[in-house]
Amino acid sequence: MFLQKGETLFRQGEQGPLYRLESGMLKIVRVHQDGSQFLVNLILPGEIIPHHSLISPNPYYGTAIALMPSEVAVLPSNEWYRDLEGDPERLRAIAEQLQDKLRMMQQRVDQLTEVSPAGKLQQLQEWLRVYIAPATLTDLLTQDEIGQFIGLRRETVNRLLRKPR
């Protein structure tokens, strides 16, 4: 399945299949009752989502939206969970994926605990450059989303992005 930038893969609260991101990048946003959205995660190629449903089914935690043209493989949940039964190699692969995601989240904590706002932004740009080059951070995320992701106000992100290097 192919998604264009801005297309929604699934919506928060729905339940359905799992997906493997083959190429591109997705963002996961939480939608609050007032309709506001908060960026909570970025999904990179090779990841199977939703992470919290790899072992047992659960409604989608957030809404998945393509940040760039993306290819996604659909993994029907009935087959996924049936095939897990008695397959230790597959369970180990899931554990390794979750371990990799935990390490990525630890890097995010490092970004969030960086003392200077400029340092937070720089770390995010350096980390993402590996996955999105030649695109830039602002090609994919709004200033609000960048701020949400690294714990800064949009105004601070705007000021830092305008600052000459």
Protein backbone atom coordinates (compact mmCIF):
# COMPACT_ATOMS: atom_id res chain seq x y z
CA MET A 1 0.00 0.00 0.00
CA PHE A 2 1.31 3.45 -0.89
CA LEU A 3 0.57 6.62 1.07
CA GLN A 4 1.18 10.14 -0.14
CA LYS A 5 2.43 12.85 2.24
CA GLY A 6 -0.40 13.79 4.58
CA GLU A 7 -2.47 10.62 4.09
CA THR A 8 -3.73 8.81 7.20
CA LEU A 9 -2.91 5.12 7.66
CA PHE A 10 -5.10 4.59 10.74
CA ARG A 11 -6.92 6.66 13.34
CA GLN A 12 -6.65 6.75 17.10
CA GLY A 13 -9.16 4.41 18.78
CA GLU A 14 -9.74 2.23 15.72
CA GLN A 15 -8.69 -1.39 15.72
CA GLY A 16 -7.29 -3.25 12.76
CA PRO A 17 -4.22 -4.85 11.22
CA LEU A 18 -0.61 -4.25 11.99
CA TYR A 19 1.65 -2.55 9.45
CA ARG A 20 5.32 -2.69 8.46
CA LEU A 21 6.75 0.54 7.12
CA GLU A 22 8.80 -0.43 4.07
CA SER A 23 9.92 3.07 3.06
CA GLY A 24 9.18 6.66 3.96
CA MET A 25 8.28 7.96 7.42
CA LEU A 26 5.12 8.23 9.50
CA LYS A 27 4.21 10.38 12.46
CA ILE A 28 1.97 9.24 15.28
CA VAL A 29 -0.18 11.96 16.80
CA ARG A 30 -2.53 11.84 19.76
CA VAL A 31 -5.75 13.70 19.13
CA HIS A 32 -7.30 15.30 22.22
CA GLN A 33 -11.01 15.85 22.80
CA ASP A 34 -10.72 19.49 21.69
CA GLY A 35 -9.27 18.33 18.36
CA SER A 36 -5.71 19.45 19.08
CA GLN A 37 -2.95 17.07 18.08
CA PHE A 38 0.31 16.24 19.82
CA LEU A 39 3.21 14.51 18.04
CA VAL A 40 4.27 11.48 20.08
CA ASN A 41 6.36 9.32 17.76
CA LEU A 42 8.08 8.99 14.41
CA ILE A 43 8.01 5.65 12.61
CA LEU A 44 11.03 4.65 10.54
CA PRO A 45 11.43 2.05 7.77
CA GLY A 46 11.46 -1.52 9.04
CA GLU A 47 9.23 -0.85 12.03
CA ILE A 48 6.05 -2.82 12.61
CA ILE A 49 3.27 -0.80 14.19
CA PRO A 50 1.45 -0.33 16.41
CA HIS A 51 4.20 -1.28 18.86
CA HIS A 52 1.78 -1.85 21.73
CA SER A 53 -0.07 -4.50 19.68
CA LEU A 54 2.83 -6.70 18.59
CA ILE A 55 1.96 -9.41 21.14
CA SER A 56 -1.78 -8.84 21.67
CA PRO A 57 -4.40 -6.70 19.92
CA ASN A 58 -5.29 -3.22 21.19
CA PRO A 59 -6.98 -0.19 19.66
CA TYR A 60 -4.61 2.21 17.92
CA TYR A 61 -3.01 4.56 20.46
CA GLY A 62 -2.72 7.44 18.00
CA THR A 63 -3.31 8.45 14.40
CA ALA A 64 -0.61 7.51 11.86
CA ILE A 65 0.04 10.05 9.09
CA ALA A 66 2.59 9.86 6.26
CA LEU A 67 5.30 12.54 6.49
CA MET A 68 6.53 11.71 2.99
CA PRO A 69 5.52 9.24 0.29
CA SER A 70 5.59 5.91 2.11
CA GLU A 71 5.15 2.24 1.33
CA VAL A 72 3.40 0.17 3.99
CA ALA A 73 2.78 -3.58 4.13
CA VAL A 74 -0.47 -4.69 5.77
CA LEU A 75 -0.07 -7.52 8.28
CA PRO A 76 -3.54 -9.00 8.98
CA SER A 77 -3.86 -9.28 12.74
CA ASN A 78 -5.57 -12.70 12.81
CA GLU A 79 -2.68 -14.25 10.86
CA TRP A 80 -0.08 -12.27 12.85
CA TYR A 81 -1.25 -13.49 16.26
CA ARG A 82 -1.91 -17.04 15.04
CA ASP A 83 1.59 -17.28 13.55
CA LEU A 84 3.15 -16.06 16.83
CA GLU A 85 1.87 -19.11 18.68
CA GLY A 86 4.79 -21.44 19.26
CA ASP A 87 7.30 -19.47 17.15
CA PRO A 88 10.12 -18.41 19.49
CA GLU A 89 12.17 -16.92 16.63
CA ARG A 90 9.36 -14.58 15.74
CA LEU A 91 8.82 -13.63 19.37
CA ARG A 92 12.54 -12.88 19.65
CA ALA A 93 12.35 -10.68 16.54
CA ILE A 94 9.51 -8.73 18.17
CA ALA A 95 11.52 -8.38 21.37
CA GLU A 96 14.47 -7.07 19.35
CA GLN A 97 12.25 -4.56 17.55
CA LEU A 98 10.87 -3.32 20.86
CA GLN A 99 14.41 -3.12 22.22
CA ASP A 100 15.45 -1.01 19.21
CA LYS A 101 12.45 1.26 19.75
CA LEU A 102 13.33 1.60 23.43
CA ARG A 103 16.86 2.64 22.46
CA MET A 104 15.41 5.21 20.07
CA MET A 105 13.22 6.52 22.87
CA GLN A 106 16.30 6.76 25.09
CA GLN A 107 17.90 8.95 22.41
CA ARG A 108 14.76 11.10 22.50
CA VAL A 109 15.12 11.43 26.28
CA ASP A 110 18.71 12.57 25.68
CA GLN A 111 17.38 15.16 23.23
CA LEU A 112 14.78 16.34 25.74
CA THR A 113 17.30 16.60 28.57
CA GLU A 114 19.77 18.63 26.54
CA VAL A 115 20.17 21.88 28.45
CA SER A 116 20.12 24.37 25.61
CA PRO A 117 17.17 24.74 23.25
CA ALA A 118 19.62 25.05 20.34
CA GLY A 119 21.23 21.77 21.40
CA LYS A 120 17.85 20.02 21.45
CA LEU A 121 17.07 21.20 17.94
CA GLN A 122 20.53 20.32 16.65
CA GLN A 123 20.35 16.79 18.07
CA LEU A 124 16.96 16.22 16.47
CA GLN A 125 18.20 17.53 13.11
CA GLU A 126 21.31 15.32 13.22
CA TRP A 127 19.31 12.24 14.21
CA LEU A 128 16.68 12.72 11.50
CA ARG A 129 19.17 13.64 8.77
CA VAL A 130 20.13 9.96 8.58
CA TYR A 131 16.56 9.05 7.60
CA ILE A 132 15.31 12.01 5.58
CA ALA A 133 18.24 13.51 3.64
CA PRO A 134 18.14 15.43 1.37
CA ALA A 135 14.86 16.66 2.91
CA THR A 136 15.10 18.84 6.00
CA LEU A 137 13.30 18.74 9.32
CA THR A 138 11.00 21.60 8.33
CA ASP A 139 10.07 19.79 5.11
CA LEU A 140 8.38 17.15 7.26
CA LEU A 141 7.30 18.72 10.53
CA THR A 142 5.68 22.02 11.46
CA GLN A 143 7.36 24.25 14.00
CA ASP A 144 4.63 23.24 16.48
CA GLU A 145 5.42 19.55 15.93
CA ILE A 146 9.16 20.12 16.27
CA GLY A 147 8.51 21.92 19.53
CA GLN A 148 6.24 19.15 20.79
CA PHE A 149 8.81 16.53 19.93
CA ILE A 150 11.70 18.23 21.75
CA GLY A 151 9.86 20.10 24.48
CA LEU A 152 10.12 23.67 23.17
CA ARG A 153 7.60 26.36 22.37
CA ARG A 154 6.90 27.02 18.69
CA GLU A 155 8.23 30.55 19.06
CA THR A 156 11.56 29.22 20.33
CA VAL A 157 11.78 26.78 17.42
CA ASN A 158 11.01 29.60 15.00
CA ARG A 159 13.73 31.80 16.49
CA LEU A 160 16.30 28.98 16.41
CA LEU A 161 15.50 28.05 12.82
CA ARG A 162 15.90 31.68 11.67
CA LYS A 163 19.22 32.08 13.47
CA PRO A 164 22.20 31.95 11.09
CA ARG A 165 24.62 29.12 11.72
